[in-house]
Amino acid sequence: MSKPVLQDIFSFSGRRNRKSYILFSLLMVVVTIVLSGITAGVATATAGLGLILLLLFVPLVVATWAVGSQRCRDFGWTGWAILITIIPGIGLLFAIAILFVPGTQGDNRYGPDPLGNAAGNTPQAA
């Protein structure tokens, strides 16, 4: 079972599987586009409202980094590895790669398998 998309989005611990990470990433793209559009539309009209919308981006950044660190832990890396994404060029490749790298089956040092699979066992079709 995949972790619900919005579960633990501000937690820098635990693991997150690919499906949950991809869905969260798509949600963040949509939210960012909407907030960017609103910000662009009101930034020239009302500086105060533009500042409020800009402040809404802060929790989005924190959540994105937290979920990214969970994703790194799913394949056995430290959560700090998400900082690779701030390196121009390499960061984009890394961000794309973690969408596709399978997680460690079974428990790893960062927690239980988010899919609930025991080590070496693959899920059976019902």
N, C-alpha and C. Protein backbone atom coordinates (compact mmCIF):
# COMPACT_ATOMS: atom_id res chain seq x y z
N MET A 1 0.85 -1.17 0.00
CA MET A 1 0.00 0.00 0.00
C MET A 1 0.89 1.23 0.00
N SER A 2 0.58 2.15 -0.85
CA SER A 2 1.36 3.38 -0.98
C SER A 2 0.99 4.37 0.13
N LYS A 3 1.97 5.15 0.57
CA LYS A 3 1.73 6.17 1.59
C LYS A 3 0.81 7.23 1.00
N PRO A 4 -0.23 7.67 1.75
CA PRO A 4 -1.08 8.76 1.25
C PRO A 4 -0.23 9.99 0.91
N VAL A 5 -0.57 10.65 -0.17
CA VAL A 5 0.23 11.75 -0.71
C VAL A 5 0.52 12.84 0.32
N LEU A 6 -0.46 13.22 1.11
CA LEU A 6 -0.28 14.33 2.04
C LEU A 6 0.14 13.90 3.45
N GLN A 7 0.40 12.62 3.64
CA GLN A 7 0.83 12.15 4.96
C GLN A 7 2.29 12.50 5.19
N ASP A 8 2.60 13.06 6.34
CA ASP A 8 3.97 13.37 6.77
C ASP A 8 4.72 14.30 5.82
N ILE A 9 4.03 15.26 5.20
CA ILE A 9 4.71 16.11 4.22
C ILE A 9 5.67 17.11 4.85
N PHE A 10 5.60 17.31 6.16
CA PHE A 10 6.55 18.21 6.81
C PHE A 10 7.53 17.45 7.69
N SER A 11 7.56 16.13 7.55
CA SER A 11 8.46 15.30 8.35
C SER A 11 9.73 14.99 7.56
N PHE A 12 10.86 15.19 8.21
CA PHE A 12 12.14 14.89 7.59
C PHE A 12 12.64 13.50 8.00
N SER A 13 11.72 12.63 8.39
CA SER A 13 12.10 11.26 8.74
C SER A 13 11.18 10.29 8.01
N GLY A 14 11.57 9.03 8.00
CA GLY A 14 10.75 8.01 7.34
C GLY A 14 11.08 7.87 5.87
N ARG A 15 10.26 7.07 5.19
CA ARG A 15 10.48 6.75 3.79
C ARG A 15 9.23 7.05 2.98
N ARG A 16 9.41 7.25 1.67
CA ARG A 16 8.29 7.50 0.75
C ARG A 16 8.57 6.75 -0.54
N ASN A 17 7.58 5.99 -1.00
CA ASN A 17 7.75 5.21 -2.23
C ASN A 17 7.57 6.08 -3.48
N ARG A 18 7.88 5.51 -4.63
CA ARG A 18 7.84 6.26 -5.90
C ARG A 18 6.47 6.83 -6.21
N LYS A 19 5.43 6.01 -6.10
CA LYS A 19 4.09 6.47 -6.47
C LYS A 19 3.67 7.67 -5.65
N SER A 20 3.84 7.60 -4.35
CA SER A 20 3.47 8.70 -3.47
C SER A 20 4.31 9.94 -3.78
N TYR A 21 5.60 9.73 -4.06
CA TYR A 21 6.49 10.86 -4.37
C TYR A 21 6.08 11.53 -5.69
N ILE A 22 5.78 10.73 -6.70
CA ILE A 22 5.38 11.28 -8.00
C ILE A 22 4.07 12.05 -7.86
N LEU A 23 3.09 11.48 -7.16
CA LEU A 23 1.82 12.17 -6.97
C LEU A 23 1.99 13.47 -6.20
N PHE A 24 2.83 13.45 -5.16
CA PHE A 24 3.11 14.67 -4.40
C PHE A 24 3.78 15.71 -5.30
N SER A 25 4.73 15.27 -6.11
CA SER A 25 5.44 16.19 -7.00
C SER A 25 4.48 16.83 -8.00
N LEU A 26 3.58 16.04 -8.56
CA LEU A 26 2.59 16.59 -9.49
C LEU A 26 1.68 17.60 -8.79
N LEU A 27 1.27 17.28 -7.57
CA LEU A 27 0.44 18.21 -6.80
C LEU A 27 1.19 19.53 -6.57
N MET A 28 2.47 19.45 -6.23
CA MET A 28 3.26 20.66 -5.98
C MET A 28 3.42 21.49 -7.26
N VAL A 29 3.54 20.83 -8.41
CA VAL A 29 3.62 21.56 -9.68
C VAL A 29 2.34 22.35 -9.90
N VAL A 30 1.19 21.71 -9.70
CA VAL A 30 -0.10 22.38 -9.89
C VAL A 30 -0.25 23.54 -8.91
N VAL A 31 0.04 23.31 -7.64
CA VAL A 31 -0.08 24.37 -6.63
C VAL A 31 0.85 25.52 -6.94
N THR A 32 2.07 25.23 -7.36
CA THR A 32 3.04 26.27 -7.69
C THR A 32 2.58 27.09 -8.89
N ILE A 33 2.05 26.44 -9.90
CA ILE A 33 1.55 27.15 -11.08
C ILE A 33 0.40 28.07 -10.68
N VAL A 34 -0.52 27.56 -9.88
CA VAL A 34 -1.67 28.38 -9.44
C VAL A 34 -1.19 29.57 -8.63
N LEU A 35 -0.32 29.33 -7.64
CA LEU A 35 0.17 30.44 -6.81
C LEU A 35 1.00 31.42 -7.63
N SER A 36 1.76 30.93 -8.58
CA SER A 36 2.55 31.83 -9.43
C SER A 36 1.64 32.71 -10.27
N GLY A 37 0.58 32.13 -10.81
CA GLY A 37 -0.37 32.91 -11.59
C GLY A 37 -1.06 33.97 -10.75
N ILE A 38 -1.47 33.59 -9.55
CA ILE A 38 -2.11 34.55 -8.65
C ILE A 38 -1.12 35.65 -8.27
N THR A 39 0.09 35.25 -7.93
CA THR A 39 1.12 36.22 -7.53
C THR A 39 1.41 37.19 -8.66
N ALA A 40 1.54 36.69 -9.87
CA ALA A 40 1.82 37.56 -11.02
C ALA A 40 0.68 38.53 -11.26
N GLY A 41 -0.55 38.07 -11.04
CA GLY A 41 -1.71 38.92 -11.27
C GLY A 41 -1.90 40.00 -10.23
N VAL A 42 -1.52 39.73 -9.00
CA VAL A 42 -1.77 40.71 -7.93
C VAL A 42 -0.52 41.45 -7.48
N ALA A 43 0.64 41.00 -7.90
CA ALA A 43 1.88 41.63 -7.43
C ALA A 43 1.95 43.09 -7.82
N THR A 44 1.47 43.42 -9.00
CA THR A 44 1.52 44.82 -9.42
C THR A 44 0.37 45.62 -8.82
N ALA A 45 -0.74 44.97 -8.53
CA ALA A 45 -1.91 45.68 -8.00
C ALA A 45 -1.80 45.94 -6.51
N THR A 46 -1.42 44.94 -5.75
CA THR A 46 -1.37 45.06 -4.30
C THR A 46 -0.11 44.40 -3.77
N ALA A 47 0.81 45.21 -3.31
CA ALA A 47 2.08 44.67 -2.82
C ALA A 47 1.87 43.79 -1.59
N GLY A 48 0.93 44.14 -0.72
CA GLY A 48 0.68 43.36 0.49
C GLY A 48 0.19 41.96 0.19
N LEU A 49 -0.73 41.84 -0.76
CA LEU A 49 -1.25 40.52 -1.12
C LEU A 49 -0.17 39.69 -1.81
N GLY A 50 0.64 40.33 -2.61
CA GLY A 50 1.75 39.63 -3.26
C GLY A 50 2.72 39.07 -2.24
N LEU A 51 2.97 39.82 -1.17
CA LEU A 51 3.86 39.35 -0.10
C LEU A 51 3.25 38.16 0.62
N ILE A 52 1.95 38.21 0.87
CA ILE A 52 1.26 37.09 1.52
C ILE A 52 1.38 35.83 0.67
N LEU A 53 1.16 35.96 -0.62
CA LEU A 53 1.27 34.80 -1.51
C LEU A 53 2.70 34.29 -1.58
N LEU A 54 3.66 35.20 -1.55
CA LEU A 54 5.06 34.79 -1.54
C LEU A 54 5.36 33.97 -0.29
N LEU A 55 4.81 34.38 0.84
CA LEU A 55 5.01 33.64 2.09
C LEU A 55 4.37 32.25 2.06
N LEU A 56 3.37 32.07 1.21
CA LEU A 56 2.75 30.75 1.05
C LEU A 56 3.71 29.77 0.38
N PHE A 57 4.68 30.30 -0.36
CA PHE A 57 5.65 29.42 -1.01
C PHE A 57 6.60 28.77 0.00
N VAL A 58 6.82 29.40 1.15
CA VAL A 58 7.75 28.86 2.14
C VAL A 58 7.34 27.46 2.60
N PRO A 59 6.08 27.24 3.02
CA PRO A 59 5.71 25.87 3.41
C PRO A 59 5.79 24.88 2.24
N LEU A 60 5.57 25.35 1.02
CA LEU A 60 5.69 24.46 -0.13
C LEU A 60 7.12 23.98 -0.31
N VAL A 61 8.06 24.88 -0.12
CA VAL A 61 9.48 24.52 -0.24
C VAL A 61 9.87 23.54 0.86
N VAL A 62 9.44 23.82 2.10
CA VAL A 62 9.75 22.93 3.22
C VAL A 62 9.16 21.54 2.97
N ALA A 63 7.90 21.49 2.55
CA ALA A 63 7.25 20.20 2.28
C ALA A 63 7.95 19.45 1.15
N THR A 64 8.33 20.15 0.11
CA THR A 64 9.00 19.52 -1.03
C THR A 64 10.34 18.93 -0.62
N TRP A 65 11.10 19.64 0.19
CA TRP A 65 12.39 19.12 0.65
C TRP A 65 12.19 17.96 1.63
N ALA A 66 11.17 18.05 2.48
CA ALA A 66 10.91 16.97 3.44
C ALA A 66 10.53 15.69 2.70
N VAL A 67 9.63 15.80 1.75
CA VAL A 67 9.20 14.62 0.99
C VAL A 67 10.35 14.09 0.14
N GLY A 68 11.16 14.98 -0.41
CA GLY A 68 12.34 14.55 -1.16
C GLY A 68 13.33 13.80 -0.29
N SER A 69 13.49 14.25 0.95
CA SER A 69 14.41 13.55 1.86
C SER A 69 13.85 12.17 2.21
N GLN A 70 12.52 12.06 2.34
CA GLN A 70 11.90 10.75 2.58
C GLN A 70 12.16 9.82 1.39
N ARG A 71 12.07 10.39 0.19
CA ARG A 71 12.30 9.58 -1.01
C ARG A 71 13.74 9.07 -1.07
N CYS A 72 14.69 9.93 -0.73
CA CYS A 72 16.11 9.50 -0.72
C CYS A 72 16.31 8.37 0.28
N ARG A 73 15.66 8.46 1.43
CA ARG A 73 15.80 7.42 2.45
C ARG A 73 15.19 6.10 1.97
N ASP A 74 14.21 6.16 1.08
CA ASP A 74 13.58 4.93 0.61
C ASP A 74 14.57 4.07 -0.15
N PHE A 75 15.52 4.66 -0.83
CA PHE A 75 16.53 3.83 -1.50
C PHE A 75 17.85 3.81 -0.76
N GLY A 76 17.80 4.11 0.55
CA GLY A 76 18.94 3.88 1.43
C GLY A 76 19.94 5.01 1.56
N TRP A 77 19.65 6.17 0.99
CA TRP A 77 20.55 7.31 1.11
C TRP A 77 20.11 8.19 2.26
N THR A 78 21.00 9.03 2.74
CA THR A 78 20.64 10.00 3.75
C THR A 78 19.67 11.03 3.16
N GLY A 79 18.82 11.58 3.98
CA GLY A 79 17.89 12.61 3.53
C GLY A 79 18.59 13.86 3.03
N TRP A 80 19.82 14.07 3.50
CA TRP A 80 20.59 15.24 3.06
C TRP A 80 20.89 15.18 1.57
N ALA A 81 20.79 14.01 0.96
CA ALA A 81 21.07 13.87 -0.47
C ALA A 81 20.15 14.73 -1.32
N ILE A 82 19.00 15.10 -0.79
CA ILE A 82 18.06 15.94 -1.54
C ILE A 82 18.69 17.29 -1.87
N LEU A 83 19.71 17.69 -1.12
CA LEU A 83 20.38 18.96 -1.40
C LEU A 83 21.11 18.95 -2.74
N ILE A 84 21.31 17.77 -3.31
CA ILE A 84 21.90 17.68 -4.65
C ILE A 84 21.05 18.44 -5.65
N THR A 85 19.76 18.54 -5.40
CA THR A 85 18.85 19.21 -6.34
C THR A 85 19.14 20.69 -6.50
N ILE A 86 19.92 21.29 -5.61
CA ILE A 86 20.21 22.73 -5.76
C ILE A 86 21.44 22.98 -6.65
N ILE A 87 22.11 21.92 -7.07
CA ILE A 87 23.28 22.06 -7.96
C ILE A 87 22.77 22.17 -9.40
N PRO A 88 23.08 23.27 -10.08
CA PRO A 88 22.60 23.43 -11.46
C PRO A 88 23.01 22.25 -12.35
N GLY A 89 22.09 21.81 -13.18
CA GLY A 89 22.35 20.71 -14.10
C GLY A 89 22.26 19.35 -13.44
N ILE A 90 23.17 19.07 -12.54
CA ILE A 90 23.18 17.79 -11.82
C ILE A 90 21.91 17.65 -10.99
N GLY A 91 21.47 18.74 -10.40
CA GLY A 91 20.28 18.71 -9.56
C GLY A 91 19.04 18.28 -10.32
N LEU A 92 18.89 18.77 -11.53
CA LEU A 92 17.73 18.39 -12.35
C LEU A 92 17.79 16.90 -12.68
N LEU A 93 18.96 16.41 -13.05
CA LEU A 93 19.10 14.98 -13.35
C LEU A 93 18.79 14.13 -12.12
N PHE A 94 19.26 14.58 -10.96
CA PHE A 94 19.00 13.85 -9.72
C PHE A 94 17.50 13.85 -9.41
N ALA A 95 16.86 15.02 -9.57
CA ALA A 95 15.42 15.12 -9.30
C ALA A 95 14.62 14.18 -10.19
N ILE A 96 15.03 14.05 -11.44
CA ILE A 96 14.35 13.13 -12.36
C ILE A 96 14.66 11.68 -11.98
N ALA A 97 15.90 11.41 -11.62
CA ALA A 97 16.31 10.04 -11.28
C ALA A 97 15.54 9.49 -10.09
N ILE A 98 15.31 10.32 -9.05
CA ILE A 98 14.64 9.78 -7.87
C ILE A 98 13.16 9.49 -8.12
N LEU A 99 12.66 9.92 -9.26
CA LEU A 99 11.31 9.53 -9.64
C LEU A 99 11.26 8.06 -10.05
N PHE A 100 12.39 7.52 -10.50
CA PHE A 100 12.40 6.18 -11.09
C PHE A 100 13.20 5.14 -10.32
N VAL A 101 14.09 5.56 -9.43
CA VAL A 101 14.91 4.61 -8.67
C VAL A 101 14.01 3.84 -7.71
N PRO A 102 13.99 2.51 -7.80
CA PRO A 102 13.16 1.75 -6.87
C PRO A 102 13.72 1.82 -5.45
N GLY A 103 12.83 1.78 -4.50
CA GLY A 103 13.24 1.80 -3.10
C GLY A 103 13.79 0.45 -2.65
N THR A 104 14.42 0.47 -1.50
CA THR A 104 14.94 -0.75 -0.90
C THR A 104 13.76 -1.63 -0.49
N GLN A 105 13.78 -2.90 -0.88
CA GLN A 105 12.71 -3.80 -0.45
C GLN A 105 12.93 -4.15 1.01
N GLY A 106 11.86 -4.15 1.76
CA GLY A 106 11.95 -4.45 3.18
C GLY A 106 12.46 -3.26 3.96
N ASP A 107 12.71 -3.50 5.23
CA ASP A 107 13.19 -2.43 6.10
C ASP A 107 14.60 -2.02 5.72
N ASN A 108 14.90 -0.74 5.91
CA ASN A 108 16.28 -0.29 5.84
C ASN A 108 16.54 0.56 7.08
N ARG A 109 17.71 1.15 7.20
CA ARG A 109 18.04 1.86 8.43
C ARG A 109 17.19 3.10 8.67
N TYR A 110 16.38 3.50 7.68
CA TYR A 110 15.53 4.67 7.82
C TYR A 110 14.08 4.32 8.12
N GLY A 111 13.76 3.05 8.20
CA GLY A 111 12.41 2.66 8.56
C GLY A 111 11.89 1.50 7.75
N PRO A 112 10.63 1.14 8.01
CA PRO A 112 10.02 0.02 7.30
C PRO A 112 9.72 0.39 5.85
N ASP A 113 9.59 -0.63 5.04
CA ASP A 113 9.24 -0.46 3.63
C ASP A 113 7.88 0.23 3.56
N PRO A 114 7.77 1.38 2.85
CA PRO A 114 6.47 2.06 2.77
C PRO A 114 5.41 1.25 2.03
N LEU A 115 5.84 0.24 1.29
CA LEU A 115 4.88 -0.63 0.61
C LEU A 115 4.51 -1.84 1.46
N GLY A 116 5.18 -2.00 2.59
CA GLY A 116 4.89 -3.11 3.48
C GLY A 116 5.46 -4.43 3.04
N ASN A 117 6.39 -4.42 2.08
CA ASN A 117 6.99 -5.67 1.59
C ASN A 117 8.09 -6.12 2.53
N ALA A 118 8.13 -7.40 2.80
CA ALA A 118 9.26 -7.96 3.55
C ALA A 118 10.44 -8.06 2.60
N ALA A 119 11.64 -8.04 3.12
CA ALA A 119 12.84 -8.10 2.28
C ALA A 119 12.80 -9.31 1.37
N GLY A 120 13.01 -9.07 0.10
CA GLY A 120 13.07 -10.17 -0.86
C GLY A 120 11.72 -10.66 -1.34
N ASN A 121 10.63 -10.20 -0.76
CA ASN A 121 9.31 -10.63 -1.19
C ASN A 121 8.72 -9.60 -2.13
N THR A 122 8.11 -10.07 -3.18
CA THR A 122 7.43 -9.16 -4.09
C THR A 122 5.94 -9.31 -3.87
N PRO A 123 5.19 -8.22 -4.04
CA PRO A 123 3.74 -8.32 -3.83
C PRO A 123 3.10 -9.27 -4.83
N GLN A 124 2.14 -10.01 -4.38
CA GLN A 124 1.42 -10.96 -5.22
C GLN A 124 0.14 -10.31 -5.74
N ALA A 125 -0.18 -10.59 -6.99
CA ALA A 125 -1.43 -10.09 -7.56
C ALA A 125 -2.60 -10.83 -6.94
N ALA A 126 -3.67 -10.12 -6.70
CA ALA A 126 -4.85 -10.74 -6.08
C ALA A 126 -5.70 -11.45 -7.09
